[in-house]
Amino acid sequence: MKVAKEDRRNRRRTPWGSAGMLICIALICAAANATNPAKAQDPSPKSGESGKNTATQDSGVKGAQAKVQETTPANPDAAVAGDSDLPSEKLPPNATAAQRADSAWTMLSDAVADGKRPQTRIEALAALGMLRTRRSEKMIEAAMQDDDLDVRTAAALAAGQSGDRNLTTPLRNLLDDKEPQVVFTAAMTLWKMNDRSGEDILMAVADGDRSTNPSMMHGAAHKIDKDLHQPGKLAKLGALQGASMLLGPFGFGIAAIQFMHQSGGDLARASAIQQLAEEHTEPVHKELIAALGDKDPSVRAAAAQGLVDYHDSATQQAIYPLFVDPRIPVRLTAAAAYLRTTGVPGISAAMSAKAAGKPRPTVKH
């Protein structure tokens, strides 16, 4: 009897003992995960240019690196953005400007060719839209043939964002895409680039269900998908347009907004950074550099994007630590922004504002 009672007590204790072991393992894993991202950061910049650094440059680089290391290591946005990978290598301590530029291009080309995650390709296109070179042009054009309709949509938006007139022909080809979303985006993008090739598409959308016949405008007739005449589909396109047809670091439309919410991003703060970036003054410059180390990934990305027109060593040094940021969109934006600071051409903050229909800001020297 005594043995039987003891067996029953042991059986009652066993499940709790297993649960306790599982809890301990979970706590150990959580502690390990919390320390890993910090190892991916280079704790202190060791550039060969340290003798030439100004006080602003030193504070900018150290501040950005220190604050990025404090960023939340978990990736709550992974499900939305495919942002589950931390950078595998530390920053090379003595990398030359040419080596840093090469690293930036490698990041962008690898991301836009990521065969597993369409969202990563979209984020890469957003960064490539900041550039206007033959190299970025080829990558954007290739993405217009992607199997994923959102990637093709992003490629059209990136083409418009870049202002690259060499991409108008590939954009015209998208007017015959099988997906109405891509067709509509290409037509809208071409119109904003003063190309009226997609006018018949826009007229079909404007007609709604009043007409289902394609029209001839400017010598071009496109096959108008019947979905462009359906109220439900038109409402979806309207929502896409209302959510913004602009391509940002985290994508476009509703998916980008979802990303920002899930990753703790503050749209108001990121928008404020974008507005400030249009004003070229030293106080704004310092504010943007300080924002590179913000805990909010959307603010860090916006700050990097806002620094594209500052072609100085201090700015380059401040952006460089974001090459190993825990968030993929921030890393890609930083890569493109770094290239811009070295003189790679692209649309300026002032021209971006003009393209979006906002008044061109006054530039103070």
Protein backbone atom coordinates (compact mmCIF):
# COMPACT_ATOMS: atom_id res chain seq x y z
CA MET A 1 0.00 0.00 0.00
CA LYS A 2 2.80 2.37 0.91
CA VAL A 3 4.57 1.66 -2.39
CA ALA A 4 1.36 2.26 -4.36
CA LYS A 5 0.77 5.61 -2.64
CA GLU A 6 4.33 6.65 -3.36
CA ASP A 7 3.89 5.74 -7.06
CA ARG A 8 0.75 7.86 -7.27
CA ARG A 9 2.54 10.83 -5.69
CA ASN A 10 5.41 10.45 -8.19
CA ARG A 11 3.00 10.34 -11.13
CA ARG A 12 1.33 13.55 -9.90
CA ARG A 13 4.69 15.28 -9.60
CA THR A 14 6.03 14.18 -12.98
CA PRO A 15 4.03 16.54 -15.26
CA TRP A 16 4.97 19.53 -13.13
CA GLY A 17 8.61 18.49 -13.23
CA SER A 18 8.51 18.34 -17.07
CA ALA A 19 6.75 21.69 -17.25
CA GLY A 20 9.39 23.19 -15.00
CA MET A 21 12.16 21.90 -17.27
CA LEU A 22 10.41 23.35 -20.34
CA ILE A 23 10.01 26.72 -18.65
CA CYS A 24 13.72 26.75 -17.73
CA ILE A 25 14.71 25.89 -21.30
CA ALA A 26 12.46 28.64 -22.66
CA LEU A 27 13.97 31.19 -20.28
CA ILE A 28 17.51 30.16 -21.25
CA CYS A 29 16.66 30.45 -24.97
CA ALA A 30 15.07 33.83 -24.44
CA ALA A 31 18.15 35.08 -22.61
CA ALA A 32 20.41 33.78 -25.38
CA ASN A 33 18.31 35.42 -28.06
CA ALA A 34 18.38 38.71 -26.21
CA THR A 35 22.17 38.80 -26.36
CA ASN A 36 22.72 37.69 -29.98
CA PRO A 37 21.76 40.90 -31.86
CA ALA A 38 24.27 42.91 -29.89
CA LYS A 39 27.01 40.59 -31.12
CA ALA A 40 26.05 41.46 -34.68
CA GLN A 41 26.98 45.09 -34.05
CA ASP A 42 30.43 46.55 -34.13
CA PRO A 43 30.66 48.17 -30.67
CA SER A 44 32.91 51.01 -31.75
CA PRO A 45 33.85 52.51 -35.10
CA LYS A 46 37.50 51.96 -35.96
CA SER A 47 37.81 53.79 -39.21
CA GLY A 48 41.16 54.77 -40.62
CA GLU A 49 39.64 58.19 -41.11
CA SER A 50 39.37 58.81 -37.37
CA GLY A 51 42.05 61.49 -37.46
CA LYS A 52 39.93 63.50 -39.86
CA ASN A 53 36.61 63.12 -38.06
CA THR A 54 34.87 66.20 -36.81
CA ALA A 55 33.07 66.31 -33.46
CA THR A 56 29.75 65.90 -35.28
CA GLN A 57 31.04 62.82 -37.11
CA ASP A 58 32.30 61.15 -33.91
CA SER A 59 29.08 61.73 -31.99
CA GLY A 60 26.97 60.68 -34.97
CA VAL A 61 28.72 57.34 -35.54
CA LYS A 62 28.99 56.41 -31.86
CA GLY A 63 25.44 57.47 -31.12
CA ALA A 64 24.01 55.55 -34.07
CA GLN A 65 25.91 52.37 -33.23
CA ALA A 66 25.10 52.50 -29.53
CA LYS A 67 21.39 53.13 -30.05
CA VAL A 68 20.99 50.54 -32.81
CA GLN A 69 22.45 47.95 -30.42
CA GLU A 70 19.68 48.77 -27.96
CA THR A 71 16.99 47.99 -30.56
CA THR A 72 14.56 45.22 -29.63
CA PRO A 73 16.20 41.97 -30.79
CA ALA A 74 12.93 40.13 -31.46
CA ASN A 75 11.39 40.61 -34.86
CA PRO A 76 7.63 41.11 -34.43
CA ASP A 77 7.42 42.26 -38.04
CA ALA A 78 8.84 39.02 -39.42
CA ALA A 79 5.45 37.74 -40.52
CA VAL A 80 4.78 40.90 -42.51
CA ALA A 81 8.17 41.81 -43.84
CA GLY A 82 10.07 38.52 -43.92
CA ASP A 83 12.49 40.27 -41.60
CA SER A 84 13.75 37.28 -39.66
CA ASP A 85 17.45 37.40 -40.53
CA LEU A 86 20.02 39.36 -38.61
CA PRO A 87 23.19 40.38 -40.45
CA SER A 88 25.67 37.50 -40.37
CA GLU A 89 28.84 39.57 -40.19
CA LYS A 90 30.21 42.46 -38.20
CA LEU A 91 31.13 45.73 -39.83
CA PRO A 92 34.68 45.59 -41.21
CA PRO A 93 36.53 48.00 -38.89
CA ASN A 94 38.87 49.42 -41.51
CA ALA A 95 36.74 49.24 -44.65
CA THR A 96 37.56 51.80 -47.30
CA ALA A 97 34.89 53.99 -48.90
CA ALA A 98 35.02 51.76 -52.01
CA GLN A 99 34.56 48.61 -49.93
CA ARG A 100 31.59 50.14 -48.10
CA ALA A 101 29.99 51.12 -51.40
CA ASP A 102 30.55 47.59 -52.72
CA SER A 103 28.90 46.18 -49.58
CA ALA A 104 25.92 48.48 -50.14
CA TRP A 105 25.45 47.32 -53.73
CA THR A 106 25.82 43.68 -52.66
CA MET A 107 23.10 44.07 -50.03
CA LEU A 108 20.72 45.60 -52.57
CA SER A 109 21.39 43.08 -55.34
CA ASP A 110 21.10 40.10 -52.98
CA ALA A 111 17.82 41.37 -51.51
CA VAL A 112 16.14 42.15 -54.84
CA ALA A 113 17.04 38.62 -55.99
CA ASP A 114 15.78 36.91 -52.80
CA GLY A 115 13.83 33.97 -54.20
CA LYS A 116 12.02 33.05 -50.99
CA ARG A 117 10.63 36.32 -49.67
CA PRO A 118 8.69 38.68 -51.95
CA GLN A 119 8.54 41.30 -49.17
CA THR A 120 12.33 41.49 -49.08
CA ARG A 121 12.34 42.07 -52.85
CA ILE A 122 9.78 44.85 -52.38
CA GLU A 123 11.89 46.49 -49.69
CA ALA A 124 14.96 46.26 -51.94
CA LEU A 125 13.02 47.96 -54.76
CA ALA A 126 12.04 50.76 -52.38
CA ALA A 127 15.73 51.35 -51.71
CA LEU A 128 16.68 51.06 -55.39
CA GLY A 129 14.09 53.72 -56.18
CA MET A 130 16.34 56.15 -54.31
CA LEU A 131 19.02 55.67 -56.99
CA ARG A 132 19.26 56.55 -60.66
CA THR A 133 22.08 54.59 -62.23
CA ARG A 134 22.32 51.97 -64.95
CA ARG A 135 22.96 49.35 -62.27
CA SER A 136 19.81 50.13 -60.25
CA GLU A 137 17.86 50.56 -63.49
CA LYS A 138 18.61 46.98 -64.56
CA MET A 139 17.50 45.57 -61.21
CA ILE A 140 14.21 47.52 -61.26
CA GLU A 141 13.52 46.50 -64.85
CA ALA A 142 14.17 42.83 -64.07
CA ALA A 143 11.75 43.00 -61.13
CA MET A 144 8.98 44.05 -63.53
CA GLN A 145 9.02 40.43 -64.74
CA ASP A 146 8.69 38.95 -61.24
CA ASP A 147 6.09 36.24 -60.66
CA ASP A 148 4.68 38.09 -57.65
CA LEU A 149 2.18 40.83 -58.54
CA ASP A 150 3.12 42.97 -55.53
CA VAL A 151 6.77 42.84 -56.55
CA ARG A 152 5.85 43.96 -60.07
CA THR A 153 3.74 46.72 -58.56
CA ALA A 154 6.68 47.79 -56.38
CA ALA A 155 8.96 47.78 -59.43
CA ALA A 156 6.60 50.17 -61.21
CA LEU A 157 6.50 52.43 -58.17
CA ALA A 158 10.29 52.29 -57.81
CA ALA A 159 10.67 53.32 -61.46
CA GLY A 160 8.51 56.35 -60.85
CA GLN A 161 10.26 57.15 -57.60
CA SER A 162 13.65 57.13 -59.31
CA GLY A 163 12.51 59.52 -62.03
CA ASP A 164 14.56 57.47 -64.49
CA ARG A 165 13.25 58.15 -67.98
CA ASN A 166 15.02 55.03 -69.26
CA LEU A 167 12.42 52.97 -67.39
CA THR A 168 9.42 54.35 -69.28
CA THR A 169 9.57 51.63 -71.96
CA PRO A 170 9.50 48.76 -69.43
CA LEU A 171 6.68 50.60 -67.66
CA ARG A 172 4.68 50.72 -70.88
CA ASN A 173 5.05 46.95 -71.15
CA LEU A 174 3.34 46.63 -67.76
CA LEU A 175 0.22 48.24 -69.22
CA ASP A 176 -0.54 44.80 -70.70
CA ASP A 177 0.12 42.91 -67.44
CA LYS A 178 -2.47 40.29 -66.50
CA GLU A 179 -3.10 41.88 -63.09
CA PRO A 180 -5.24 45.05 -62.89
CA GLN A 181 -3.26 46.31 -59.88
CA VAL A 182 -0.02 46.29 -61.89
CA VAL A 183 -1.70 47.85 -64.95
CA PHE A 184 -3.25 50.64 -62.90
CA THR A 185 0.02 51.34 -61.06
CA ALA A 186 2.01 51.46 -64.30
CA ALA A 187 -0.53 53.84 -65.86
CA MET A 188 -0.48 56.11 -62.81
CA THR A 189 3.33 56.07 -62.68
CA LEU A 190 3.68 56.92 -66.37
CA TRP A 191 1.17 59.75 -66.03
CA LYS A 192 3.20 61.26 -63.17
CA MET A 193 6.26 61.02 -65.43
CA ASN A 194 4.37 63.02 -68.09
CA ASP A 195 3.94 59.94 -70.28
CA ARG A 196 0.35 59.49 -71.47
CA SER A 197 0.73 55.91 -72.72
CA GLY A 198 -1.67 54.60 -70.12
CA GLU A 199 -4.35 57.23 -70.59
CA ASP A 200 -6.85 54.69 -71.98
CA ILE A 201 -6.37 52.62 -68.82
CA LEU A 202 -7.09 55.59 -66.59
CA MET A 203 -10.11 56.49 -68.72
CA ALA A 204 -11.44 52.96 -68.30
CA VAL A 205 -11.10 53.24 -64.55
CA ALA A 206 -12.74 56.66 -64.62
CA ASP A 207 -15.65 55.26 -66.67
CA GLY A 208 -16.21 52.49 -64.15
CA ASP A 209 -19.12 50.29 -65.21
CA ARG A 210 -20.32 52.81 -67.83
CA SER A 211 -18.19 51.28 -70.55
CA THR A 212 -16.40 48.02 -71.21
CA ASN A 213 -14.90 48.94 -74.56
CA PRO A 214 -11.22 49.85 -74.89
CA SER A 215 -10.54 53.26 -76.36
CA MET A 216 -7.77 54.54 -78.60
CA MET A 217 -5.71 57.38 -77.17
CA HIS A 218 -2.35 58.71 -78.32
CA GLY A 219 -2.14 55.88 -80.85
CA ALA A 220 -2.28 53.09 -78.27
CA ALA A 221 -5.02 50.66 -77.38
CA HIS A 222 -4.65 48.28 -74.44
CA LYS A 223 -6.74 45.31 -73.48
CA ILE A 224 -8.85 46.64 -70.62
CA ASP A 225 -9.36 43.98 -67.98
CA LYS A 226 -13.01 43.59 -67.03
CA ASP A 227 -11.97 43.92 -63.37
CA LEU A 228 -11.21 47.58 -64.05
CA HIS A 229 -14.94 48.08 -64.59
CA GLN A 230 -16.13 46.24 -61.49
CA PRO A 231 -17.03 48.43 -58.48
CA GLY A 232 -15.43 46.00 -56.02
CA LYS A 233 -12.13 45.94 -57.88
CA LEU A 234 -12.22 49.69 -58.35
CA ALA A 235 -12.75 50.11 -54.61
CA LYS A 236 -9.67 47.97 -53.97
CA LEU A 237 -7.58 50.09 -56.33
CA GLY A 238 -8.94 53.19 -54.66
CA ALA A 239 -7.93 51.86 -51.25
CA LEU A 240 -4.47 51.14 -52.61
CA GLN A 241 -4.23 54.67 -53.94
CA GLY A 242 -5.60 56.12 -50.71
CA ALA A 243 -3.14 54.13 -48.61
CA SER A 244 -0.44 55.76 -50.74
CA MET A 245 0.93 54.67 -54.07
CA LEU A 246 4.31 55.86 -52.86
CA LEU A 247 6.87 53.15 -52.18
CA GLY A 248 8.51 53.50 -48.78
CA PRO A 249 11.17 51.48 -46.92
CA PHE A 250 8.54 49.00 -45.70
CA GLY A 251 6.67 48.56 -48.97
CA PHE A 252 3.50 50.25 -50.17
CA GLY A 253 -0.17 50.51 -49.33
CA ILE A 254 -1.84 48.67 -46.48
CA ALA A 255 0.95 46.08 -46.04
CA ALA A 256 3.44 48.85 -45.26
CA ILE A 257 1.10 50.33 -42.66
CA GLN A 258 0.63 46.90 -41.08
CA PHE A 259 4.39 46.45 -40.95
CA MET A 260 4.88 49.74 -39.12
CA HIS A 261 2.18 48.92 -36.57
CA GLN A 262 3.50 45.41 -35.89
CA SER A 263 7.08 46.61 -35.51
CA GLY A 264 6.10 49.42 -33.17
CA GLY A 265 6.66 52.10 -35.79
CA ASP A 266 5.23 55.58 -35.38
CA LEU A 267 4.01 56.95 -38.71
CA ALA A 268 3.71 60.49 -37.32
CA ARG A 269 7.35 60.58 -36.21
CA ALA A 270 8.59 59.10 -39.49
CA SER A 271 6.53 61.67 -41.42
CA ALA A 272 8.00 64.47 -39.32
CA ILE A 273 11.50 63.25 -40.18
CA GLN A 274 10.62 63.23 -43.88
CA GLN A 275 9.33 66.78 -43.69
CA LEU A 276 12.41 68.00 -41.83
CA ALA A 277 14.65 66.36 -44.42
CA GLU A 278 13.38 68.80 -47.03
CA GLU A 279 15.07 71.65 -45.16
CA HIS A 280 18.85 71.72 -45.53
CA THR A 281 20.15 73.39 -42.39
CA GLU A 282 22.78 72.28 -39.91
CA PRO A 283 20.28 71.86 -37.03
CA VAL A 284 18.18 69.58 -39.26
CA HIS A 285 21.31 67.71 -40.33
CA LYS A 286 22.19 67.03 -36.70
CA GLU A 287 18.63 65.99 -35.92
CA LEU A 288 18.63 63.47 -38.79
CA ILE A 289 21.96 61.99 -37.70
CA ALA A 290 20.69 61.65 -34.13
CA ALA A 291 17.52 59.94 -35.42
CA LEU A 292 19.64 57.20 -37.04
CA GLY A 293 19.96 55.69 -33.57
CA ASP A 294 16.28 55.89 -32.67
CA LYS A 295 14.59 52.76 -31.28
CA ASP A 296 11.85 53.04 -33.92
CA PRO A 297 12.91 51.33 -37.20
CA SER A 298 10.64 53.57 -39.27
CA VAL A 299 12.36 56.65 -37.84
CA ARG A 300 15.82 55.21 -38.50
CA ALA A 301 14.89 54.44 -42.11
CA ALA A 302 13.32 57.87 -42.64
CA ALA A 303 16.41 59.56 -41.20
CA ALA A 304 18.74 57.61 -43.50
CA GLN A 305 16.57 58.49 -46.48
CA GLY A 306 16.56 62.13 -45.41
CA LEU A 307 20.35 62.33 -45.45
CA VAL A 308 20.80 61.49 -49.14
CA ASP A 309 21.70 65.04 -50.14
CA TYR A 310 24.52 65.44 -47.59
CA HIS A 311 27.73 64.41 -49.34
CA ASP A 312 30.17 64.60 -46.44
CA SER A 313 32.27 62.13 -44.50
CA ALA A 314 30.40 62.72 -41.22
CA THR A 315 27.10 61.69 -42.77
CA GLN A 316 28.63 58.64 -44.43
CA GLN A 317 30.16 57.55 -41.13
CA ALA A 318 26.84 58.00 -39.35
CA ILE A 319 24.85 55.92 -41.85
CA TYR A 320 27.39 53.10 -42.14
CA PRO A 321 26.49 51.38 -38.79
CA LEU A 322 22.97 50.78 -40.09
CA PHE A 323 24.43 48.24 -42.53
CA VAL A 324 24.01 45.77 -39.63
CA ASP A 325 20.69 47.08 -38.32
CA PRO A 326 18.36 44.36 -36.96
CA ARG A 327 15.68 45.32 -39.52
CA ILE A 328 16.10 44.45 -43.19
CA PRO A 329 14.25 47.56 -44.51
CA VAL A 330 16.51 49.82 -42.46
CA ARG A 331 19.64 48.06 -43.72
CA LEU A 332 18.55 48.35 -47.35
CA THR A 333 17.54 52.00 -47.00
CA ALA A 334 20.88 52.72 -45.34
CA ALA A 335 22.72 50.98 -48.19
CA ALA A 336 21.04 53.16 -50.82
CA ALA A 337 21.39 56.30 -48.67
CA TYR A 338 25.10 55.63 -48.20
CA LEU A 339 25.58 55.35 -51.96
CA ARG A 340 23.75 58.64 -52.42
CA THR A 341 26.04 60.38 -49.93
CA THR A 342 29.02 59.26 -52.02
CA GLY A 343 27.64 60.97 -55.11
CA VAL A 344 25.55 58.23 -56.73
CA PRO A 345 22.72 60.11 -58.51
CA GLY A 346 19.09 59.99 -57.48
CA ILE A 347 16.11 62.21 -56.84
CA SER A 348 16.60 64.79 -54.07
CA ALA A 349 14.31 65.37 -51.10
CA ALA A 350 13.17 68.63 -52.69
CA MET A 351 12.32 66.92 -55.99
CA SER A 352 10.54 64.12 -54.13
CA ALA A 353 8.33 66.72 -52.50
CA LYS A 354 7.61 68.31 -55.87
CA ALA A 355 6.76 64.94 -57.43
CA ALA A 356 4.32 64.27 -54.60
CA GLY A 357 2.58 67.58 -55.25
CA LYS A 358 3.97 69.38 -52.22
CA PRO A 359 5.55 72.83 -52.34
CA ARG A 360 9.25 72.80 -52.93
CA PRO A 361 11.07 73.68 -49.69
CA THR A 362 13.37 76.63 -49.30
CA VAL A 363 17.00 75.55 -49.11
CA LYS A 364 19.07 77.57 -46.65
CA HIS A 365 22.83 77.57 -46.83
